[in-house]
Amino acid sequence: MTVGDMLVATVPMARTLNLEFLETTAERAVVRMPDQADYHNHVGGPHAGAMFTLAESASGAIVIAAFGDQMSRAVPLAVKAEIGYKKLAMGVVTATATLGRPVADVVAELDEGKRPEFPVTIEIQRADGAVTGEMTVVWTLRPNA
């Protein structure tokens, strides 16, 4: 089962929004949300909440791809998120997530008994390539007790 398949199977919002996990590696996650009238805002584009969920889902995908081998000893949790809406989003939108710290550095902190935090940056784009939003999610790996 791929990371995307697992997220669609276990995260109801990913299924609800029909998110498509196009790429999920430790270096990059790319997730697409189809144009769906049920999730439009008052101007006919994807609702801000749907775009937030798209971007957060991309961040979760890269975290699982990067740290899936640590799940037996730590739980990944989102600590905080900030999003900026830059341009009007219309139609299909795609979120591309990038890990903000080297995996080895985060795992080294976990090995030291710390609760590491790390940012994931996400860019949201329309089909024409225009960046419609940018988001940063700070994640942690909470060690199991």
Protein backbone atom coordinates (compact mmCIF):
# COMPACT_ATOMS: atom_id res chain seq x y z
CA MET A 1 0.00 0.00 0.00
CA THR A 2 1.38 3.41 -0.93
CA VAL A 3 1.42 6.39 1.44
CA GLY A 4 -1.36 7.95 -0.61
CA ASP A 5 -3.47 4.79 -0.51
CA MET A 6 -2.99 4.59 3.25
CA LEU A 7 -4.02 8.21 3.77
CA VAL A 8 -7.12 7.84 1.62
CA ALA A 9 -8.03 4.67 3.56
CA THR A 10 -7.49 6.15 7.03
CA VAL A 11 -8.22 9.89 6.74
CA PRO A 12 -11.90 10.54 5.97
CA MET A 13 -11.30 14.14 4.79
CA ALA A 14 -8.85 12.93 2.14
CA ARG A 15 -11.58 10.62 0.81
CA THR A 16 -14.28 13.28 1.10
CA LEU A 17 -12.30 15.75 -1.01
CA ASN A 18 -11.26 13.03 -3.49
CA LEU A 19 -7.60 13.92 -3.04
CA GLU A 20 -5.19 12.26 -5.47
CA PHE A 21 -1.72 11.48 -4.11
CA LEU A 22 0.49 11.81 -7.19
CA GLU A 23 3.90 11.59 -5.52
CA THR A 24 4.88 10.69 -1.96
CA THR A 25 8.57 10.51 -1.16
CA ALA A 26 10.73 11.75 1.69
CA GLU A 27 11.80 14.64 -0.58
CA ARG A 28 8.45 15.71 -1.97
CA ALA A 29 4.73 15.04 -1.85
CA VAL A 30 2.35 16.16 -4.58
CA VAL A 31 -1.40 16.00 -4.01
CA ARG A 32 -4.14 17.13 -6.41
CA MET A 33 -7.71 18.13 -5.65
CA PRO A 34 -10.14 17.91 -8.56
CA ASP A 35 -12.54 20.76 -9.31
CA GLN A 36 -15.71 19.91 -7.38
CA ALA A 37 -18.70 22.25 -7.20
CA ASP A 38 -19.67 20.88 -3.76
CA TYR A 39 -16.46 22.38 -2.33
CA HIS A 40 -16.56 25.78 -4.07
CA ASN A 41 -16.61 29.13 -2.32
CA HIS A 42 -18.73 32.17 -3.16
CA VAL A 43 -16.61 33.02 -6.25
CA GLY A 44 -16.64 29.54 -7.79
CA GLY A 45 -13.20 28.26 -6.78
CA PRO A 46 -12.14 25.78 -4.13
CA HIS A 47 -13.14 26.84 -0.62
CA ALA A 48 -10.29 28.04 1.61
CA GLY A 49 -10.95 25.16 4.01
CA ALA A 50 -10.65 22.65 1.18
CA MET A 51 -7.33 24.19 0.09
CA PHE A 52 -6.09 24.10 3.71
CA THR A 53 -6.99 20.40 3.87
CA LEU A 54 -5.28 19.75 0.54
CA ALA A 55 -2.05 21.41 1.71
CA GLU A 56 -2.13 19.80 5.16
CA SER A 57 -2.67 16.41 3.52
CA ALA A 58 0.38 16.94 1.32
CA SER A 59 2.40 17.81 4.43
CA GLY A 60 1.17 14.66 6.17
CA ALA A 61 2.11 12.55 3.16
CA ILE A 62 5.71 13.74 3.15
CA VAL A 63 5.97 13.25 6.92
CA ILE A 64 4.79 9.66 6.64
CA ALA A 65 7.08 9.01 3.67
CA ALA A 66 10.07 10.51 5.52
CA PHE A 67 9.43 9.11 9.00
CA GLY A 68 7.27 6.03 8.46
CA ASP A 69 10.09 3.85 9.77
CA GLN A 70 9.93 5.75 13.10
CA MET A 71 6.21 5.12 13.73
CA SER A 72 6.87 2.29 16.16
CA ARG A 73 8.53 4.73 18.56
CA ALA A 74 6.97 8.12 17.79
CA VAL A 75 3.71 9.62 16.60
CA PRO A 76 3.79 12.43 14.02
CA LEU A 77 1.59 15.36 15.02
CA ALA A 78 0.97 18.73 13.43
CA VAL A 79 1.93 21.48 15.92
CA LYS A 80 0.82 24.58 14.03
CA ALA A 81 0.02 25.75 10.54
CA GLU A 82 -0.04 29.05 8.70
CA ILE A 83 -1.49 29.60 5.27
CA GLY A 84 -1.49 32.55 2.92
CA TYR A 85 -3.87 32.83 -0.01
CA LYS A 86 -2.04 34.65 -2.83
CA LYS A 87 -4.26 34.49 -5.92
CA LEU A 88 -7.72 33.29 -6.81
CA ALA A 89 -7.74 29.51 -7.16
CA MET A 90 -10.02 28.08 -9.81
CA GLY A 91 -10.39 24.57 -11.14
CA VAL A 92 -8.00 21.77 -10.24
CA VAL A 93 -5.40 22.72 -7.61
CA THR A 94 -2.23 20.89 -6.66
CA ALA A 95 -0.22 21.08 -3.44
CA THR A 96 3.50 20.32 -3.40
CA ALA A 97 5.11 19.74 0.00
CA THR A 98 8.80 19.94 0.86
CA LEU A 99 10.46 18.88 4.11
CA GLY A 100 12.26 21.77 5.80
CA ARG A 101 14.94 19.79 7.68
CA PRO A 102 17.07 16.78 6.79
CA VAL A 103 15.47 13.51 7.89
CA ALA A 104 18.71 12.41 9.58
CA ASP A 105 18.77 15.54 11.78
CA VAL A 106 15.20 14.96 12.96
CA VAL A 107 15.85 11.28 13.68
CA ALA A 108 19.05 12.18 15.56
CA GLU A 109 17.02 14.42 17.89
CA LEU A 110 14.53 11.62 18.39
CA ASP A 111 17.46 9.27 19.19
CA GLU A 112 18.57 11.76 21.87
CA GLY A 113 15.18 11.47 23.55
CA LYS A 114 13.98 14.84 22.31
CA ARG A 115 10.69 15.72 20.66
CA PRO A 116 11.92 17.16 17.34
CA GLU A 117 9.99 19.77 15.42
CA PHE A 118 10.39 20.45 11.72
CA PRO A 119 8.62 22.58 9.12
CA VAL A 120 6.99 21.40 5.95
CA THR A 121 6.39 24.05 3.29
CA ILE A 122 3.61 23.65 0.77
CA GLU A 123 2.90 25.51 -2.43
CA ILE A 124 -0.63 25.39 -3.90
CA GLN A 125 -0.94 25.93 -7.66
CA ARG A 126 -3.65 26.20 -10.29
CA ALA A 127 -3.41 24.14 -13.46
CA ASP A 128 -1.79 27.12 -15.23
CA GLY A 129 1.09 27.03 -12.71
CA ALA A 130 0.11 30.18 -10.82
CA VAL A 131 0.81 29.91 -7.09
CA THR A 132 -2.49 30.50 -5.31
CA GLY A 133 -1.36 29.75 -1.77
CA GLU A 134 1.56 28.96 0.48
CA MET A 135 1.42 27.07 3.74
CA THR A 136 3.84 26.01 6.43
CA VAL A 137 2.98 23.22 8.84
CA VAL A 138 5.27 22.59 11.80
CA TRP A 139 5.26 18.91 12.73
CA THR A 140 6.71 17.02 15.66
CA LEU A 141 7.54 13.39 16.33
CA ARG A 142 6.16 12.74 19.80
CA PRO A 143 8.04 9.83 21.37
CA ASN A 144 5.87 6.99 22.64
CA ALA A 145 5.87 6.80 26.41
